[in-house]
Amino acid sequence: MANRITIALIENSYLLGSGMENLLKELHEVQLLEVFDGTEKNLLKKIESLKPDCMIINPDSVSDFLN
């Protein structure tokens, strides 16, 4: 399927992340590349290598990067 939007998700809450993942998987025009919890080492490099079209980020999940 051409022209699918690729998305990476960063959510530290398992319940919210799992719910978002399931919702996004139901959308045929969306491809969820990866779900991160925000604590991964080299998170920025991992995201850069994926090159998603869009990111969904819970700011609380990446607060260590923002402070």
C-alpha atoms as a PDB file:
ATOM      1  CA  MET A   1       0.000   0.000   0.000  1.00  0.00           C
ATOM      2  CA  ALA A   2       1.600   3.208  -1.189  1.00  0.00           C
ATOM      3  CA  ASN A   3       1.662   6.527   0.647  1.00  0.00           C
ATOM      4  CA  ARG A   4       1.319   5.101   4.139  1.00  0.00           C
ATOM      5  CA  ILE A   5       2.187   7.521   6.918  1.00  0.00           C
ATOM      6  CA  THR A   6       4.898   6.122   9.182  1.00  0.00           C
ATOM      7  CA  ILE A   7       4.661   6.916  12.874  1.00  0.00           C
ATOM      8  CA  ALA A   8       6.857   6.424  15.921  1.00  0.00           C
ATOM      9  CA  LEU A   9       5.241   6.610  19.357  1.00  0.00           C
ATOM     10  CA  ILE A  10       6.895   7.635  22.622  1.00  0.00           C
ATOM     11  CA  GLU A  11       4.760   6.876  25.675  1.00  0.00           C
ATOM     12  CA  ASN A  12       6.005   5.757  29.091  1.00  0.00           C
ATOM     13  CA  SER A  13       2.634   4.474  30.301  1.00  0.00           C
ATOM     14  CA  TYR A  14       2.166   0.856  29.201  1.00  0.00           C
ATOM     15  CA  LEU A  15      -1.617   1.174  29.173  1.00  0.00           C
ATOM     16  CA  LEU A  16      -1.697   4.376  27.101  1.00  0.00           C
ATOM     17  CA  GLY A  17       1.017   3.139  24.759  1.00  0.00           C
ATOM     18  CA  SER A  18      -0.755  -0.164  24.199  1.00  0.00           C
ATOM     19  CA  GLY A  19      -4.056   1.595  23.533  1.00  0.00           C
ATOM     20  CA  MET A  20      -2.496   4.018  21.061  1.00  0.00           C
ATOM     21  CA  GLU A  21      -0.679   1.159  19.355  1.00  0.00           C
ATOM     22  CA  ASN A  22      -3.926  -0.774  18.888  1.00  0.00           C
ATOM     23  CA  LEU A  23      -5.756   2.294  17.578  1.00  0.00           C
ATOM     24  CA  LEU A  24      -3.011   3.108  15.087  1.00  0.00           C
ATOM     25  CA  LYS A  25      -2.869  -0.483  13.841  1.00  0.00           C
ATOM     26  CA  GLU A  26      -6.551  -0.239  12.872  1.00  0.00           C
ATOM     27  CA  LEU A  27      -5.800   2.641  10.494  1.00  0.00           C
ATOM     28  CA  HIS A  28      -4.804   1.139   7.150  1.00  0.00           C
ATOM     29  CA  GLU A  29      -3.109   4.309   5.926  1.00  0.00           C
ATOM     30  CA  VAL A  30      -0.794   4.344   8.966  1.00  0.00           C
ATOM     31  CA  GLN A  31       2.236   2.192   9.691  1.00  0.00           C
ATOM     32  CA  LEU A  32       3.424   2.210  13.300  1.00  0.00           C
ATOM     33  CA  LEU A  33       7.180   1.762  13.135  1.00  0.00           C
ATOM     34  CA  GLU A  34       8.062   1.533  16.815  1.00  0.00           C
ATOM     35  CA  VAL A  35       6.789   2.219  20.323  1.00  0.00           C
ATOM     36  CA  PHE A  36       9.325   3.645  22.772  1.00  0.00           C
ATOM     37  CA  ASP A  37       8.881   4.314  26.480  1.00  0.00           C
ATOM     38  CA  GLY A  38      11.353   7.213  26.505  1.00  0.00           C
ATOM     39  CA  THR A  39      14.025   5.514  28.599  1.00  0.00           C
ATOM     40  CA  GLU A  40      15.921   3.822  25.773  1.00  0.00           C
ATOM     41  CA  LYS A  41      19.594   4.593  25.361  1.00  0.00           C
ATOM     42  CA  ASN A  42      20.387   6.513  22.186  1.00  0.00           C
ATOM     43  CA  LEU A  43      16.700   7.248  21.646  1.00  0.00           C
ATOM     44  CA  LEU A  44      17.380  10.129  19.271  1.00  0.00           C
ATOM     45  CA  LYS A  45      19.654   7.977  17.095  1.00  0.00           C
ATOM     46  CA  LYS A  46      17.034   5.230  16.983  1.00  0.00           C
ATOM     47  CA  ILE A  47      14.383   7.708  15.894  1.00  0.00           C
ATOM     48  CA  GLU A  48      16.695   9.233  13.287  1.00  0.00           C
ATOM     49  CA  SER A  49      17.381   5.795  11.816  1.00  0.00           C
ATOM     50  CA  LEU A  50      13.645   5.043  11.548  1.00  0.00           C
ATOM     51  CA  LYS A  51      12.895   8.357   9.781  1.00  0.00           C
ATOM     52  CA  PRO A  52       9.175   8.421  10.682  1.00  0.00           C
ATOM     53  CA  ASP A  53       6.849  10.842   8.901  1.00  0.00           C
ATOM     54  CA  CYS A  54       5.212  11.705  12.217  1.00  0.00           C
ATOM     55  CA  MET A  55       5.891  11.286  15.922  1.00  0.00           C
ATOM     56  CA  ILE A  56       3.394  11.048  18.743  1.00  0.00           C
ATOM     57  CA  ILE A  57       5.145  12.012  21.959  1.00  0.00           C
ATOM     58  CA  ASN A  58       3.952  12.251  25.527  1.00  0.00           C
ATOM     59  CA  PRO A  59       6.125  15.108  26.878  1.00  0.00           C
ATOM     60  CA  ASP A  60       6.281  13.404  30.270  1.00  0.00           C
ATOM     61  CA  SER A  61       7.963  10.422  28.592  1.00  0.00           C
ATOM     62  CA  VAL A  62      10.929  12.488  27.453  1.00  0.00           C
ATOM     63  CA  SER A  63      11.180  14.930  30.326  1.00  0.00           C
ATOM     64  CA  ASP A  64      14.823  13.912  30.928  1.00  0.00           C
ATOM     65  CA  PHE A  65      15.684  15.265  27.478  1.00  0.00           C
ATOM     66  CA  LEU A  66      13.792  18.512  28.103  1.00  0.00           C
ATOM     67  CA  ASN A  67      15.334  19.362  31.490  1.00  0.00           C
END
